[in-house]
Amino acid sequence: GGHADARYNLGRAEYHNGKVERAIKHWVIGANLGEDSSLEAIKRFFKGGLASKEVYASALRAHQAA
């Protein structure tokens, strides 16, 4: 769990430290909690080839359900 905004910020920090996979994990948790910026980050990474279609689709479904 964790606060959704904090998950987005943790993801940004991990990304800036070169830890893409860890960043995506934080953003998935944030998106699952309904946090829009986390979902947008995953979307950007998916479009850029850094996140899989499955990860984006799963996050999108969870975000919509939150």
N, C-alpha and C. Protein backbone atom coordinates (compact mmCIF):
# COMPACT_ATOMS: atom_id res chain seq x y z
N GLY A 1 0.82 -1.19 0.00
CA GLY A 1 0.00 0.00 0.00
C GLY A 1 0.85 1.24 0.00
N GLY A 2 0.42 2.21 0.72
CA GLY A 2 1.11 3.48 0.80
C GLY A 2 0.31 4.58 0.14
N HIS A 3 0.61 5.79 0.50
CA HIS A 3 -0.09 6.93 -0.06
C HIS A 3 0.20 7.06 -1.54
N ALA A 4 -0.84 7.25 -2.35
CA ALA A 4 -0.71 7.24 -3.80
C ALA A 4 0.26 8.29 -4.32
N ASP A 5 0.18 9.51 -3.80
CA ASP A 5 1.09 10.58 -4.25
C ASP A 5 2.54 10.23 -3.91
N ALA A 6 2.73 9.62 -2.75
CA ALA A 6 4.09 9.23 -2.34
C ALA A 6 4.64 8.18 -3.29
N ARG A 7 3.80 7.26 -3.75
CA ARG A 7 4.25 6.23 -4.68
C ARG A 7 4.72 6.86 -5.99
N TYR A 8 4.00 7.87 -6.47
CA TYR A 8 4.43 8.55 -7.69
C TYR A 8 5.80 9.19 -7.48
N ASN A 9 5.96 9.87 -6.37
CA ASN A 9 7.24 10.54 -6.08
C ASN A 9 8.37 9.54 -5.89
N LEU A 10 8.10 8.42 -5.24
CA LEU A 10 9.12 7.38 -5.09
C LEU A 10 9.53 6.84 -6.45
N GLY A 11 8.56 6.65 -7.33
CA GLY A 11 8.86 6.20 -8.69
C GLY A 11 9.75 7.17 -9.44
N ARG A 12 9.46 8.45 -9.31
CA ARG A 12 10.31 9.46 -9.96
C ARG A 12 11.73 9.40 -9.43
N ALA A 13 11.86 9.28 -8.11
CA ALA A 13 13.19 9.22 -7.51
C ALA A 13 13.96 7.98 -7.99
N GLU A 14 13.28 6.85 -8.05
CA GLU A 14 13.93 5.62 -8.53
C GLU A 14 14.35 5.78 -9.98
N TYR A 15 13.48 6.35 -10.80
CA TYR A 15 13.80 6.55 -12.21
C TYR A 15 15.03 7.45 -12.36
N HIS A 16 15.07 8.53 -11.61
CA HIS A 16 16.21 9.45 -11.69
C HIS A 16 17.50 8.82 -11.17
N ASN A 17 17.37 7.76 -10.39
CA ASN A 17 18.54 7.01 -9.92
C ASN A 17 18.86 5.83 -10.84
N GLY A 18 18.19 5.78 -11.98
CA GLY A 18 18.48 4.75 -12.97
C GLY A 18 17.82 3.41 -12.71
N LYS A 19 16.86 3.37 -11.83
CA LYS A 19 16.20 2.11 -11.46
C LYS A 19 14.79 2.08 -12.06
N VAL A 20 14.73 1.80 -13.36
CA VAL A 20 13.47 1.86 -14.10
C VAL A 20 12.46 0.85 -13.58
N GLU A 21 12.88 -0.39 -13.36
CA GLU A 21 11.94 -1.42 -12.91
C GLU A 21 11.33 -1.07 -11.55
N ARG A 22 12.15 -0.55 -10.66
CA ARG A 22 11.63 -0.14 -9.34
C ARG A 22 10.67 1.02 -9.48
N ALA A 23 10.97 1.95 -10.38
CA ALA A 23 10.08 3.08 -10.62
C ALA A 23 8.72 2.58 -11.09
N ILE A 24 8.73 1.67 -12.04
CA ILE A 24 7.47 1.14 -12.57
C ILE A 24 6.67 0.46 -11.46
N LYS A 25 7.35 -0.29 -10.59
CA LYS A 25 6.64 -0.96 -9.49
C LYS A 25 5.93 0.06 -8.59
N HIS A 26 6.59 1.16 -8.27
CA HIS A 26 5.95 2.20 -7.45
C HIS A 26 4.76 2.80 -8.18
N TRP A 27 4.92 3.06 -9.48
CA TRP A 27 3.83 3.66 -10.24
C TRP A 27 2.66 2.71 -10.39
N VAL A 28 2.92 1.41 -10.50
CA VAL A 28 1.83 0.44 -10.57
C VAL A 28 1.01 0.49 -9.27
N ILE A 29 1.69 0.54 -8.15
CA ILE A 29 0.99 0.62 -6.87
C ILE A 29 0.18 1.91 -6.80
N GLY A 30 0.77 3.03 -7.22
CA GLY A 30 0.06 4.30 -7.23
C GLY A 30 -1.16 4.25 -8.14
N ALA A 31 -1.00 3.70 -9.33
CA ALA A 31 -2.13 3.59 -10.26
C ALA A 31 -3.22 2.70 -9.68
N ASN A 32 -2.83 1.62 -9.00
CA ASN A 32 -3.80 0.73 -8.36
C ASN A 32 -4.61 1.46 -7.29
N LEU A 33 -4.01 2.49 -6.71
CA LEU A 33 -4.68 3.30 -5.69
C LEU A 33 -5.47 4.45 -6.30
N GLY A 34 -5.45 4.57 -7.64
CA GLY A 34 -6.22 5.61 -8.32
C GLY A 34 -5.46 6.89 -8.60
N GLU A 35 -4.15 6.87 -8.47
CA GLU A 35 -3.34 8.07 -8.66
C GLU A 35 -3.06 8.28 -10.15
N ASP A 36 -3.51 9.42 -10.68
CA ASP A 36 -3.45 9.68 -12.12
C ASP A 36 -2.03 9.83 -12.66
N SER A 37 -1.16 10.52 -11.95
CA SER A 37 0.20 10.75 -12.44
C SER A 37 0.98 9.44 -12.59
N SER A 38 0.72 8.49 -11.69
CA SER A 38 1.39 7.20 -11.79
C SER A 38 0.95 6.47 -13.06
N LEU A 39 -0.35 6.51 -13.34
CA LEU A 39 -0.85 5.87 -14.56
C LEU A 39 -0.24 6.53 -15.80
N GLU A 40 -0.17 7.85 -15.79
CA GLU A 40 0.41 8.56 -16.93
C GLU A 40 1.89 8.21 -17.11
N ALA A 41 2.60 8.05 -16.01
CA ALA A 41 4.01 7.67 -16.10
C ALA A 41 4.16 6.29 -16.74
N ILE A 42 3.32 5.34 -16.31
CA ILE A 42 3.35 4.01 -16.91
C ILE A 42 3.01 4.09 -18.39
N LYS A 43 2.04 4.90 -18.73
CA LYS A 43 1.65 5.09 -20.14
C LYS A 43 2.82 5.61 -20.96
N ARG A 44 3.53 6.60 -20.44
CA ARG A 44 4.71 7.14 -21.15
C ARG A 44 5.78 6.07 -21.32
N PHE A 45 6.00 5.30 -20.28
CA PHE A 45 7.01 4.24 -20.35
C PHE A 45 6.59 3.14 -21.32
N PHE A 46 5.30 2.82 -21.35
CA PHE A 46 4.80 1.83 -22.31
C PHE A 46 5.02 2.34 -23.74
N LYS A 47 4.64 3.57 -24.00
CA LYS A 47 4.81 4.14 -25.34
C LYS A 47 6.28 4.22 -25.73
N GLY A 48 7.16 4.40 -24.75
CA GLY A 48 8.59 4.47 -25.01
C GLY A 48 9.28 3.11 -25.00
N GLY A 49 8.52 2.06 -24.78
CA GLY A 49 9.09 0.72 -24.80
C GLY A 49 9.74 0.27 -23.50
N LEU A 50 9.53 1.02 -22.42
CA LEU A 50 10.15 0.66 -21.14
C LEU A 50 9.22 -0.12 -20.21
N ALA A 51 7.93 -0.14 -20.52
CA ALA A 51 6.97 -0.92 -19.74
C ALA A 51 6.19 -1.80 -20.72
N SER A 52 5.87 -3.00 -20.28
CA SER A 52 5.16 -3.94 -21.16
C SER A 52 3.69 -3.54 -21.31
N LYS A 53 3.09 -4.05 -22.38
CA LYS A 53 1.66 -3.85 -22.61
C LYS A 53 0.86 -4.42 -21.45
N GLU A 54 1.30 -5.57 -20.94
CA GLU A 54 0.59 -6.23 -19.84
C GLU A 54 0.59 -5.37 -18.58
N VAL A 55 1.74 -4.77 -18.28
CA VAL A 55 1.85 -3.91 -17.10
C VAL A 55 0.93 -2.71 -17.26
N TYR A 56 0.96 -2.08 -18.42
CA TYR A 56 0.12 -0.90 -18.65
C TYR A 56 -1.36 -1.27 -18.59
N ALA A 57 -1.74 -2.35 -19.26
CA ALA A 57 -3.14 -2.77 -19.28
C ALA A 57 -3.65 -3.10 -17.88
N SER A 58 -2.84 -3.80 -17.10
CA SER A 58 -3.22 -4.16 -15.75
C SER A 58 -3.37 -2.91 -14.88
N ALA A 59 -2.43 -1.98 -15.00
CA ALA A 59 -2.49 -0.74 -14.23
C ALA A 59 -3.72 0.09 -14.62
N LEU A 60 -4.01 0.11 -15.92
CA LEU A 60 -5.17 0.87 -16.40
C LEU A 60 -6.47 0.29 -15.82
N ARG A 61 -6.60 -1.03 -15.85
CA ARG A 61 -7.80 -1.67 -15.28
C ARG A 61 -7.93 -1.38 -13.79
N ALA A 62 -6.84 -1.51 -13.06
CA ALA A 62 -6.87 -1.28 -11.61
C ALA A 62 -7.18 0.18 -11.30
N HIS A 63 -6.60 1.09 -12.08
CA HIS A 63 -6.84 2.52 -11.88
C HIS A 63 -8.32 2.84 -12.09
N GLN A 64 -8.90 2.27 -13.13
CA GLN A 64 -10.31 2.52 -13.43
C GLN A 64 -11.22 1.96 -12.32
N ALA A 65 -10.78 0.88 -11.71
CA ALA A 65 -11.58 0.24 -10.65
C ALA A 65 -11.43 0.95 -9.30
N ALA A 66 -10.37 1.74 -9.15
CA ALA A 66 -10.07 2.38 -7.86
C ALA A 66 -11.08 3.50 -7.55
